[in-house]
Amino acid sequence: TGELGDALDQVSHMIDIRPDFLQALELKGWILYSLGKK
């Protein structure tokens, strides 16, 4: 839905809780790219 800040906050929170949560690490990459943080 283009709510990239919320997406990044949500996925970062998951990684803080579970640094080994692989789906979150991958999704974070796509979110960061979408935010222009290549």
ModelCIF file with pLDDT and N, C-alpha, C, O atoms, coordinates in Angstrom:
data_MODEL
#
_entry.id   MODEL 
#
_entity.id                         1 
_entity.type                       polymer 
_entity.pdbx_number_of_molecules   1 
#
_entity_poly.entity_id                      1 
_entity_poly.type                           'polypeptide(L)' 
_entity_poly.nstd_linkage                   no 
_entity_poly.nstd_monomer                   no 
_entity_poly.pdbx_seq_one_letter_code       TGELGDALDQVSHMIDIRPDFLQALELKGWILYSLGKK 
_entity_poly.pdbx_seq_one_letter_code_can   TGELGDALDQVSHMIDIRPDFLQALELKGWILYSLGKK 
_entity_poly.pdbx_strand_id                 A 
#
loop_
_entity_poly_seq.entity_id 
_entity_poly_seq.num 
_entity_poly_seq.mon_id 
_entity_poly_seq.hetero 
1 1  THR n 
1 2  GLY n 
1 3  GLU n 
1 4  LEU n 
1 5  GLY n 
1 6  ASP n 
1 7  ALA n 
1 8  LEU n 
1 9  ASP n 
1 10 GLN n 
1 11 VAL n 
1 12 SER n 
1 13 HIS n 
1 14 MET n 
1 15 ILE n 
1 16 ASP n 
1 17 ILE n 
1 18 ARG n 
1 19 PRO n 
1 20 ASP n 
1 21 PHE n 
1 22 LEU n 
1 23 GLN n 
1 24 ALA n 
1 25 LEU n 
1 26 GLU n 
1 27 LEU n 
1 28 LYS n 
1 29 GLY n 
1 30 TRP n 
1 31 ILE n 
1 32 LEU n 
1 33 TYR n 
1 34 SER n 
1 35 LEU n 
1 36 GLY n 
1 37 LYS n 
1 38 LYS n 
#
_struct_asym.id          A 
_struct_asym.entity_id   1 
#
loop_
_ma_qa_metric.id 
_ma_qa_metric.mode 
_ma_qa_metric.name 
_ma_qa_metric.software_group_id 
_ma_qa_metric.type 
1 global pLDDT . pLDDT 
2 local  pLDDT . pLDDT 
#
_ma_qa_metric_global.metric_id      1 
_ma_qa_metric_global.metric_value   96.08 
_ma_qa_metric_global.model_id       1 
_ma_qa_metric_global.ordinal_id     1 
#
loop_
_ma_qa_metric_local.label_asym_id 
_ma_qa_metric_local.label_comp_id 
_ma_qa_metric_local.label_seq_id 
_ma_qa_metric_local.metric_id 
_ma_qa_metric_local.metric_value 
_ma_qa_metric_local.model_id 
_ma_qa_metric_local.ordinal_id 
A THR 1  2 95.00 1 1  
A GLY 2  2 94.00 1 2  
A GLU 3  2 97.00 1 3  
A LEU 4  2 97.00 1 4  
A GLY 5  2 97.00 1 5  
A ASP 6  2 97.00 1 6  
A ALA 7  2 97.00 1 7  
A LEU 8  2 98.00 1 8  
A ASP 9  2 97.00 1 9  
A GLN 10 2 96.00 1 10 
A VAL 11 2 97.00 1 11 
A SER 12 2 97.00 1 12 
A HIS 13 2 95.00 1 13 
A MET 14 2 96.00 1 14 
A ILE 15 2 96.00 1 15 
A ASP 16 2 95.00 1 16 
A ILE 17 2 94.00 1 17 
A ARG 18 2 94.00 1 18 
A PRO 19 2 93.00 1 19 
A ASP 20 2 92.00 1 20 
A PHE 21 2 94.00 1 21 
A LEU 22 2 95.00 1 22 
A GLN 23 2 94.00 1 23 
A ALA 24 2 96.00 1 24 
A LEU 25 2 95.00 1 25 
A GLU 26 2 96.00 1 26 
A LEU 27 2 97.00 1 27 
A LYS 28 2 98.00 1 28 
A GLY 29 2 97.00 1 29 
A TRP 30 2 97.00 1 30 
A ILE 31 2 98.00 1 31 
A LEU 32 2 98.00 1 32 
A TYR 33 2 97.00 1 33 
A SER 34 2 96.00 1 34 
A LEU 35 2 97.00 1 35 
A GLY 36 2 97.00 1 36 
A LYS 37 2 98.00 1 37 
A LYS 38 2 97.00 1 38 
#
loop_
_atom_site.group_PDB 
_atom_site.id 
_atom_site.type_symbol 
_atom_site.label_atom_id 
_atom_site.label_alt_id 
_atom_site.label_comp_id 
_atom_site.label_asym_id 
_atom_site.label_entity_id 
_atom_site.label_seq_id 
_atom_site.pdbx_PDB_ins_code 
_atom_site.Cartn_x 
_atom_site.Cartn_y 
_atom_site.Cartn_z 
_atom_site.occupancy 
_atom_site.B_iso_or_equiv 
_atom_site.pdbx_formal_charge 
_atom_site.auth_seq_id 
_atom_site.auth_comp_id 
_atom_site.auth_asym_id 
_atom_site.auth_atom_id 
_atom_site.pdbx_PDB_model_num 
ATOM 1   N N  . THR A 1 1  ? 0.818  -1.228  0.000  1.00 95.00 ? 1  THR A N  1 
ATOM 2   C CA . THR A 1 1  ? 0.000  0.000   0.000  1.00 95.00 ? 1  THR A CA 1 
ATOM 3   C C  . THR A 1 1  ? 0.848  1.273   0.000  1.00 95.00 ? 1  THR A C  1 
ATOM 4   O O  . THR A 1 1  ? 0.311  2.379   0.056  1.00 95.00 ? 1  THR A O  1 
ATOM 5   N N  . GLY A 1 2  ? 2.156  1.116   -0.063 1.00 94.00 ? 2  GLY A N  1 
ATOM 6   C CA . GLY A 1 2  ? 3.035  2.271   -0.143 1.00 94.00 ? 2  GLY A CA 1 
ATOM 7   C C  . GLY A 1 2  ? 3.342  2.938   1.186  1.00 94.00 ? 2  GLY A C  1 
ATOM 8   O O  . GLY A 1 2  ? 3.916  4.026   1.217  1.00 94.00 ? 2  GLY A O  1 
ATOM 9   N N  . GLU A 1 3  ? 2.967  2.300   2.276  1.00 97.00 ? 3  GLU A N  1 
ATOM 10  C CA . GLU A 1 3  ? 3.252  2.845   3.609  1.00 97.00 ? 3  GLU A CA 1 
ATOM 11  C C  . GLU A 1 3  ? 4.624  2.333   4.044  1.00 97.00 ? 3  GLU A C  1 
ATOM 12  O O  . GLU A 1 3  ? 4.747  1.518   4.958  1.00 97.00 ? 3  GLU A O  1 
ATOM 13  N N  . LEU A 1 4  ? 5.642  2.835   3.364  1.00 97.00 ? 4  LEU A N  1 
ATOM 14  C CA . LEU A 1 4  ? 6.990  2.290   3.500  1.00 97.00 ? 4  LEU A CA 1 
ATOM 15  C C  . LEU A 1 4  ? 7.600  2.518   4.882  1.00 97.00 ? 4  LEU A C  1 
ATOM 16  O O  . LEU A 1 4  ? 8.303  1.649   5.398  1.00 97.00 ? 4  LEU A O  1 
ATOM 17  N N  . GLY A 1 5  ? 7.340  3.657   5.473  1.00 97.00 ? 5  GLY A N  1 
ATOM 18  C CA . GLY A 1 5  ? 7.853  3.915   6.825  1.00 97.00 ? 5  GLY A CA 1 
ATOM 19  C C  . GLY A 1 5  ? 7.286  2.923   7.822  1.00 97.00 ? 5  GLY A C  1 
ATOM 20  O O  . GLY A 1 5  ? 8.013  2.379   8.653  1.00 97.00 ? 5  GLY A O  1 
ATOM 21  N N  . ASP A 1 6  ? 5.978  2.688   7.735  1.00 97.00 ? 6  ASP A N  1 
ATOM 22  C CA . ASP A 1 6  ? 5.345  1.702   8.629  1.00 97.00 ? 6  ASP A CA 1 
ATOM 23  C C  . ASP A 1 6  ? 5.873  0.301   8.345  1.00 97.00 ? 6  ASP A C  1 
ATOM 24  O O  . ASP A 1 6  ? 6.090  -0.486  9.267  1.00 97.00 ? 6  ASP A O  1 
ATOM 25  N N  . ALA A 1 7  ? 6.080  -0.009  7.065  1.00 97.00 ? 7  ALA A N  1 
ATOM 26  C CA . ALA A 1 7  ? 6.605  -1.326  6.697  1.00 97.00 ? 7  ALA A CA 1 
ATOM 27  C C  . ALA A 1 7  ? 7.989  -1.534  7.315  1.00 97.00 ? 7  ALA A C  1 
ATOM 28  O O  . ALA A 1 7  ? 8.275  -2.587  7.884  1.00 97.00 ? 7  ALA A O  1 
ATOM 29  N N  . LEU A 1 8  ? 8.839  -0.518  7.194  1.00 98.00 ? 8  LEU A N  1 
ATOM 30  C CA . LEU A 1 8  ? 10.185 -0.621  7.743  1.00 98.00 ? 8  LEU A CA 1 
ATOM 31  C C  . LEU A 1 8  ? 10.159 -0.710  9.271  1.00 98.00 ? 8  LEU A C  1 
ATOM 32  O O  . LEU A 1 8  ? 10.892 -1.507  9.858  1.00 98.00 ? 8  LEU A O  1 
ATOM 33  N N  . ASP A 1 9  ? 9.325  0.098   9.911  1.00 97.00 ? 9  ASP A N  1 
ATOM 34  C CA . ASP A 1 9  ? 9.214  0.031   11.372 1.00 97.00 ? 9  ASP A CA 1 
ATOM 35  C C  . ASP A 1 9  ? 8.791  -1.367  11.819 1.00 97.00 ? 9  ASP A C  1 
ATOM 36  O O  . ASP A 1 9  ? 9.360  -1.930  12.754 1.00 97.00 ? 9  ASP A O  1 
ATOM 37  N N  . GLN A 1 10 ? 7.790  -1.916  11.143 1.00 96.00 ? 10 GLN A N  1 
ATOM 38  C CA . GLN A 1 10 ? 7.250  -3.226  11.505 1.00 96.00 ? 10 GLN A CA 1 
ATOM 39  C C  . GLN A 1 10 ? 8.304  -4.322  11.338 1.00 96.00 ? 10 GLN A C  1 
ATOM 40  O O  . GLN A 1 10 ? 8.511  -5.140  12.235 1.00 96.00 ? 10 GLN A O  1 
ATOM 41  N N  . VAL A 1 11 ? 8.967  -4.329  10.177 1.00 97.00 ? 11 VAL A N  1 
ATOM 42  C CA . VAL A 1 11 ? 9.938  -5.377  9.909  1.00 97.00 ? 11 VAL A CA 1 
ATOM 43  C C  . VAL A 1 11 ? 11.173 -5.221  10.809 1.00 97.00 ? 11 VAL A C  1 
ATOM 44  O O  . VAL A 1 11 ? 11.750 -6.215  11.249 1.00 97.00 ? 11 VAL A O  1 
ATOM 45  N N  . SER A 1 12 ? 11.569 -3.993  11.078 1.00 97.00 ? 12 SER A N  1 
ATOM 46  C CA . SER A 1 12 ? 12.715 -3.764  11.974 1.00 97.00 ? 12 SER A CA 1 
ATOM 47  C C  . SER A 1 12 ? 12.404 -4.242  13.386 1.00 97.00 ? 12 SER A C  1 
ATOM 48  O O  . SER A 1 12 ? 13.265 -4.802  14.064 1.00 97.00 ? 12 SER A O  1 
ATOM 49  N N  . HIS A 1 13 ? 11.168 -4.018  13.826 1.00 95.00 ? 13 HIS A N  1 
ATOM 50  C CA . HIS A 1 13 ? 10.749 -4.491  15.154 1.00 95.00 ? 13 HIS A CA 1 
ATOM 51  C C  . HIS A 1 13 ? 10.829 -6.023  15.228 1.00 95.00 ? 13 HIS A C  1 
ATOM 52  O O  . HIS A 1 13 ? 11.278 -6.579  16.230 1.00 95.00 ? 13 HIS A O  1 
ATOM 53  N N  . MET A 1 14 ? 10.395 -6.687  14.173 1.00 96.00 ? 14 MET A N  1 
ATOM 54  C CA . MET A 1 14 ? 10.482 -8.154  14.156 1.00 96.00 ? 14 MET A CA 1 
ATOM 55  C C  . MET A 1 14 ? 11.927 -8.623  14.234 1.00 96.00 ? 14 MET A C  1 
ATOM 56  O O  . MET A 1 14 ? 12.241 -9.579  14.943 1.00 96.00 ? 14 MET A O  1 
ATOM 57  N N  . ILE A 1 15 ? 12.800 -7.946  13.504 1.00 96.00 ? 15 ILE A N  1 
ATOM 58  C CA . ILE A 1 15 ? 14.219 -8.329  13.502 1.00 96.00 ? 15 ILE A CA 1 
ATOM 59  C C  . ILE A 1 15 ? 14.843 -8.052  14.863 1.00 96.00 ? 15 ILE A C  1 
ATOM 60  O O  . ILE A 1 15 ? 15.705 -8.809  15.310 1.00 96.00 ? 15 ILE A O  1 
ATOM 61  N N  . ASP A 1 16 ? 14.423 -6.976  15.531 1.00 95.00 ? 16 ASP A N  1 
ATOM 62  C CA . ASP A 1 16 ? 14.921 -6.708  16.885 1.00 95.00 ? 16 ASP A CA 1 
ATOM 63  C C  . ASP A 1 16 ? 14.568 -7.857  17.826 1.00 95.00 ? 16 ASP A C  1 
ATOM 64  O O  . ASP A 1 16 ? 15.378 -8.270  18.656 1.00 95.00 ? 16 ASP A O  1 
ATOM 65  N N  . ILE A 1 17 ? 13.356 -8.360  17.682 1.00 94.00 ? 17 ILE A N  1 
ATOM 66  C CA . ILE A 1 17 ? 12.893 -9.451  18.541 1.00 94.00 ? 17 ILE A CA 1 
ATOM 67  C C  . ILE A 1 17 ? 13.506 -10.786 18.134 1.00 94.00 ? 17 ILE A C  1 
ATOM 68  O O  . ILE A 1 17 ? 13.922 -11.574 18.983 1.00 94.00 ? 17 ILE A O  1 
ATOM 69  N N  . ARG A 1 18 ? 13.558 -11.032 16.831 1.00 94.00 ? 18 ARG A N  1 
ATOM 70  C CA . ARG A 1 18 ? 14.079 -12.295 16.291 1.00 94.00 ? 18 ARG A CA 1 
ATOM 71  C C  . ARG A 1 18 ? 15.066 -11.996 15.169 1.00 94.00 ? 18 ARG A C  1 
ATOM 72  O O  . ARG A 1 18 ? 14.683 -12.000 13.999 1.00 94.00 ? 18 ARG A O  1 
ATOM 73  N N  . PRO A 1 19 ? 16.327 -11.738 15.502 1.00 93.00 ? 19 PRO A N  1 
ATOM 74  C CA . PRO A 1 19 ? 17.324 -11.403 14.476 1.00 93.00 ? 19 PRO A CA 1 
ATOM 75  C C  . PRO A 1 19 ? 17.518 -12.492 13.418 1.00 93.00 ? 19 PRO A C  1 
ATOM 76  O O  . PRO A 1 19 ? 18.061 -12.237 12.343 1.00 93.00 ? 19 PRO A O  1 
ATOM 77  N N  . ASP A 1 20 ? 17.070 -13.695 13.734 1.00 92.00 ? 20 ASP A N  1 
ATOM 78  C CA . ASP A 1 20 ? 17.219 -14.808 12.794 1.00 92.00 ? 20 ASP A CA 1 
ATOM 79  C C  . ASP A 1 20 ? 15.961 -15.042 11.948 1.00 92.00 ? 20 ASP A C  1 
ATOM 80  O O  . ASP A 1 20 ? 15.871 -16.055 11.255 1.00 92.00 ? 20 ASP A O  1 
ATOM 81  N N  . PHE A 1 21 ? 15.001 -14.131 11.994 1.00 94.00 ? 21 PHE A N  1 
ATOM 82  C CA . PHE A 1 21 ? 13.760 -14.287 11.235 1.00 94.00 ? 21 PHE A CA 1 
ATOM 83  C C  . PHE A 1 21 ? 14.050 -13.918 9.774  1.00 94.00 ? 21 PHE A C  1 
ATOM 84  O O  . PHE A 1 21 ? 14.027 -12.746 9.398  1.00 94.00 ? 21 PHE A O  1 
ATOM 85  N N  . LEU A 1 22 ? 14.319 -14.932 8.974  1.00 95.00 ? 22 LEU A N  1 
ATOM 86  C CA . LEU A 1 22 ? 14.818 -14.749 7.625  1.00 95.00 ? 22 LEU A CA 1 
ATOM 87  C C  . LEU A 1 22 ? 13.848 -14.016 6.708  1.00 95.00 ? 22 LEU A C  1 
ATOM 88  O O  . LEU A 1 22 ? 14.272 -13.188 5.903  1.00 95.00 ? 22 LEU A O  1 
ATOM 89  N N  . GLN A 1 23 ? 12.568 -14.303 6.813  1.00 94.00 ? 23 GLN A N  1 
ATOM 90  C CA . GLN A 1 23 ? 11.598 -13.609 5.963  1.00 94.00 ? 23 GLN A CA 1 
ATOM 91  C C  . GLN A 1 23 ? 11.646 -12.098 6.197  1.00 94.00 ? 23 GLN A C  1 
ATOM 92  O O  . GLN A 1 23 ? 11.504 -11.309 5.263  1.00 94.00 ? 23 GLN A O  1 
ATOM 93  N N  . ALA A 1 24 ? 11.845 -11.715 7.435  1.00 96.00 ? 24 ALA A N  1 
ATOM 94  C CA . ALA A 1 24 ? 11.906 -10.288 7.759  1.00 96.00 ? 24 ALA A CA 1 
ATOM 95  C C  . ALA A 1 24 ? 13.166 -9.652  7.177  1.00 96.00 ? 24 ALA A C  1 
ATOM 96  O O  . ALA A 1 24 ? 13.123 -8.516  6.704  1.00 96.00 ? 24 ALA A O  1 
ATOM 97  N N  . LEU A 1 25 ? 14.286 -10.375 7.208  1.00 95.00 ? 25 LEU A N  1 
ATOM 98  C CA . LEU A 1 25 ? 15.517 -9.834  6.635  1.00 95.00 ? 25 LEU A CA 1 
ATOM 99  C C  . LEU A 1 25 ? 15.375 -9.608  5.135  1.00 95.00 ? 25 LEU A C  1 
ATOM 100 O O  . LEU A 1 25 ? 15.818 -8.587  4.610  1.00 95.00 ? 25 LEU A O  1 
ATOM 101 N N  . GLU A 1 26 ? 14.751 -10.573 4.442  1.00 96.00 ? 26 GLU A N  1 
ATOM 102 C CA . GLU A 1 26 ? 14.554 -10.412 3.007  1.00 96.00 ? 26 GLU A CA 1 
ATOM 103 C C  . GLU A 1 26 ? 13.594 -9.255  2.720  1.00 96.00 ? 26 GLU A C  1 
ATOM 104 O O  . GLU A 1 26 ? 13.876 -8.407  1.873  1.00 96.00 ? 26 GLU A O  1 
ATOM 105 N N  . LEU A 1 27 ? 12.481 -9.225  3.414  1.00 97.00 ? 27 LEU A N  1 
ATOM 106 C CA . LEU A 1 27 ? 11.498 -8.169  3.197  1.00 97.00 ? 27 LEU A CA 1 
ATOM 107 C C  . LEU A 1 27 ? 12.096 -6.794  3.489  1.00 97.00 ? 27 LEU A C  1 
ATOM 108 O O  . LEU A 1 27 ? 11.788 -5.819  2.804  1.00 97.00 ? 27 LEU A O  1 
ATOM 109 N N  . LYS A 1 28 ? 12.938 -6.724  4.493  1.00 98.00 ? 28 LYS A N  1 
ATOM 110 C CA . LYS A 1 28 ? 13.586 -5.447  4.817  1.00 98.00 ? 28 LYS A CA 1 
ATOM 111 C C  . LYS A 1 28 ? 14.408 -4.952  3.628  1.00 98.00 ? 28 LYS A C  1 
ATOM 112 O O  . LYS A 1 28 ? 14.438 -3.752  3.353  1.00 98.00 ? 28 LYS A O  1 
ATOM 113 N N  . GLY A 1 29 ? 15.067 -5.858  2.928  1.00 97.00 ? 29 GLY A N  1 
ATOM 114 C CA . GLY A 1 29 ? 15.830 -5.465  1.749  1.00 97.00 ? 29 GLY A CA 1 
ATOM 115 C C  . GLY A 1 29 ? 14.952 -4.812  0.691  1.00 97.00 ? 29 GLY A C  1 
ATOM 116 O O  . GLY A 1 29 ? 15.324 -3.789  0.115  1.00 97.00 ? 29 GLY A O  1 
ATOM 117 N N  . TRP A 1 30 ? 13.775 -5.407  0.433  1.00 97.00 ? 30 TRP A N  1 
ATOM 118 C CA . TRP A 1 30 ? 12.865 -4.842  -0.566 1.00 97.00 ? 30 TRP A CA 1 
ATOM 119 C C  . TRP A 1 30 ? 12.290 -3.510  -0.101 1.00 97.00 ? 30 TRP A C  1 
ATOM 120 O O  . TRP A 1 30 ? 12.104 -2.598  -0.906 1.00 97.00 ? 30 TRP A O  1 
ATOM 121 N N  . ILE A 1 31 ? 12.010 -3.394  1.188  1.00 98.00 ? 31 ILE A N  1 
ATOM 122 C CA . ILE A 1 31 ? 11.491 -2.131  1.715  1.00 98.00 ? 31 ILE A CA 1 
ATOM 123 C C  . ILE A 1 31 ? 12.553 -1.039  1.607  1.00 98.00 ? 31 ILE A C  1 
ATOM 124 O O  . ILE A 1 31 ? 12.267 0.073   1.163  1.00 98.00 ? 31 ILE A O  1 
ATOM 125 N N  . LEU A 1 32 ? 13.767 -1.360  2.011  1.00 98.00 ? 32 LEU A N  1 
ATOM 126 C CA . LEU A 1 32 ? 14.848 -0.374  1.928  1.00 98.00 ? 32 LEU A CA 1 
ATOM 127 C C  . LEU A 1 32 ? 15.069 0.076   0.486  1.00 98.00 ? 32 LEU A C  1 
ATOM 128 O O  . LEU A 1 32 ? 15.272 1.260   0.219  1.00 98.00 ? 32 LEU A O  1 
ATOM 129 N N  . TYR A 1 33 ? 15.027 -0.872  -0.430 1.00 97.00 ? 33 TYR A N  1 
ATOM 130 C CA . TYR A 1 33 ? 15.174 -0.490  -1.843 1.00 97.00 ? 33 TYR A CA 1 
ATOM 131 C C  . TYR A 1 33 ? 14.050 0.472   -2.245 1.00 97.00 ? 33 TYR A C  1 
ATOM 132 O O  . TYR A 1 33 ? 14.291 1.488   -2.897 1.00 97.00 ? 33 TYR A O  1 
ATOM 133 N N  . SER A 1 34 ? 12.840 0.138   -1.852 1.00 96.00 ? 34 SER A N  1 
ATOM 134 C CA . SER A 1 34 ? 11.684 0.977   -2.196 1.00 96.00 ? 34 SER A CA 1 
ATOM 135 C C  . SER A 1 34 ? 11.792 2.373   -1.599 1.00 96.00 ? 34 SER A C  1 
ATOM 136 O O  . SER A 1 34 ? 11.249 3.332   -2.147 1.00 96.00 ? 34 SER A O  1 
ATOM 137 N N  . LEU A 1 35 ? 12.485 2.482   -0.489 1.00 97.00 ? 35 LEU A N  1 
ATOM 138 C CA . LEU A 1 35 ? 12.717 3.782   0.141  1.00 97.00 ? 35 LEU A CA 1 
ATOM 139 C C  . LEU A 1 35 ? 13.898 4.531   -0.485 1.00 97.00 ? 35 LEU A C  1 
ATOM 140 O O  . LEU A 1 35 ? 14.214 5.648   -0.078 1.00 97.00 ? 35 LEU A O  1 
ATOM 141 N N  . GLY A 1 36 ? 14.542 3.916   -1.468 1.00 97.00 ? 36 GLY A N  1 
ATOM 142 C CA . GLY A 1 36 ? 15.692 4.546   -2.109 1.00 97.00 ? 36 GLY A CA 1 
ATOM 143 C C  . GLY A 1 36 ? 16.994 4.315   -1.379 1.00 97.00 ? 36 GLY A C  1 
ATOM 144 O O  . GLY A 1 36 ? 18.011 4.923   -1.715 1.00 97.00 ? 36 GLY A O  1 
ATOM 145 N N  . LYS A 1 37 ? 16.978 3.445   -0.384 1.00 98.00 ? 37 LYS A N  1 
ATOM 146 C CA . LYS A 1 37 ? 18.172 3.146   0.412  1.00 98.00 ? 37 LYS A CA 1 
ATOM 147 C C  . LYS A 1 37 ? 18.830 1.890   -0.172 1.00 98.00 ? 37 LYS A C  1 
ATOM 148 O O  . LYS A 1 37 ? 18.795 0.815   0.426  1.00 98.00 ? 37 LYS A O  1 
ATOM 149 N N  . LYS A 1 38 ? 19.422 2.054   -1.341 1.00 97.00 ? 38 LYS A N  1 
ATOM 150 C CA . LYS A 1 38 ? 19.906 0.914   -2.112 1.00 97.00 ? 38 LYS A CA 1 
ATOM 151 C C  . LYS A 1 38 ? 21.090 0.213   -1.448 1.00 97.00 ? 38 LYS A C  1 
ATOM 152 O O  . LYS A 1 38 ? 21.606 -0.768  -1.984 1.00 97.00 ? 38 LYS A O  1 
#
